[in-house]
Amino acid sequence: MSNWTKGFIGVAVASQIALFVLLFDCKVGDAFYISGNEILGMALCSICTITYIFASIMSHDSDKIRKKLNEQLQA
């Protein structure tokens, strides 16, 4: 797995941690009080996670193709 793929996965995980912290920062007792700013932050964290998961899948596939081509060139 390349450093790019690891980086993309790391950013996706960090975004989910930020989402978790943001959500539980809005909790008061048994209820959640979420304002427009928190909703925007949660939406951005979710979009970031989806984007970086997609990027990590593409990067992993690219790594496999590059490895296969290198093996063919070595033969």
Protein backbone atom coordinates (compact mmCIF):
# COMPACT_ATOMS: atom_id res chain seq x y z
CA MET A 1 0.00 0.00 0.00
CA SER A 2 1.48 3.33 -1.02
CA ASN A 3 1.87 6.37 1.20
CA TRP A 4 -0.88 8.12 -0.78
CA THR A 5 -3.36 5.35 0.00
CA LYS A 6 -2.40 5.37 3.68
CA GLY A 7 -2.74 9.15 3.75
CA PHE A 8 -6.20 9.06 2.18
CA ILE A 9 -7.37 6.45 4.69
CA GLY A 10 -5.87 8.48 7.55
CA VAL A 11 -7.72 11.63 6.50
CA ALA A 12 -11.01 9.70 6.21
CA VAL A 13 -10.56 8.28 9.72
CA ALA A 14 -9.60 11.71 11.10
CA SER A 15 -12.70 13.20 9.51
CA GLN A 16 -14.90 10.62 11.21
CA ILE A 17 -13.24 11.35 14.55
CA ALA A 18 -13.90 15.07 13.99
CA LEU A 19 -17.54 14.25 13.18
CA PHE A 20 -17.85 12.20 16.39
CA VAL A 21 -16.33 15.00 18.51
CA LEU A 22 -18.50 17.64 16.83
CA LEU A 23 -21.67 15.62 17.36
CA PHE A 24 -21.05 14.85 21.02
CA ASP A 25 -20.01 18.44 21.68
CA CYS A 26 -23.63 19.36 20.85
CA LYS A 27 -25.09 16.93 23.38
CA VAL A 28 -26.75 18.41 26.44
CA GLY A 29 -28.17 15.77 28.75
CA ASP A 30 -30.14 13.32 26.64
CA ALA A 31 -30.78 15.73 23.77
CA PHE A 32 -28.70 17.09 20.93
CA TYR A 33 -28.86 20.82 20.19
CA ILE A 34 -27.45 21.27 16.71
CA SER A 35 -27.22 24.67 15.05
CA GLY A 36 -26.65 25.48 11.41
CA ASN A 37 -22.88 25.66 11.89
CA GLU A 38 -22.74 22.18 13.39
CA ILE A 39 -24.88 20.78 10.57
CA LEU A 40 -22.52 22.35 8.03
CA GLY A 41 -19.52 20.90 9.87
CA MET A 42 -21.08 17.43 9.98
CA ALA A 43 -21.96 17.61 6.28
CA LEU A 44 -18.41 18.65 5.40
CA CYS A 45 -16.93 15.84 7.51
CA SER A 46 -19.21 13.33 5.79
CA ILE A 47 -18.37 14.61 2.30
CA CYS A 48 -14.67 14.57 3.17
CA THR A 49 -14.90 10.97 4.36
CA ILE A 50 -16.72 9.80 1.24
CA THR A 51 -14.28 11.63 -1.03
CA TYR A 52 -11.20 10.26 0.68
CA ILE A 53 -12.53 6.69 0.82
CA PHE A 54 -13.14 6.89 -2.93
CA ALA A 55 -9.64 8.34 -3.42
CA SER A 56 -8.07 5.58 -1.33
CA ILE A 57 -9.83 2.90 -3.40
CA MET A 58 -8.63 4.52 -6.62
CA SER A 59 -5.09 4.86 -5.23
CA HIS A 60 -5.05 1.21 -4.15
CA ASP A 61 -6.23 0.09 -7.60
CA SER A 62 -3.58 2.29 -9.21
CA ASP A 63 -0.93 0.69 -6.98
CA LYS A 64 -2.02 -2.78 -8.07
CA ILE A 65 -1.95 -1.83 -11.76
CA ARG A 66 1.47 -0.17 -11.41
CA LYS A 67 2.85 -3.26 -9.64
CA LYS A 68 1.47 -5.55 -12.34
CA LEU A 69 2.98 -3.40 -15.13
CA ASN A 70 6.34 -3.32 -13.37
CA GLU A 71 6.31 -7.12 -13.09
CA GLN A 72 5.52 -7.42 -16.81
CA LEU A 73 8.34 -5.02 -17.71
CA GLN A 74 10.80 -6.97 -15.55
CA ALA A 75 9.98 -10.24 -17.36
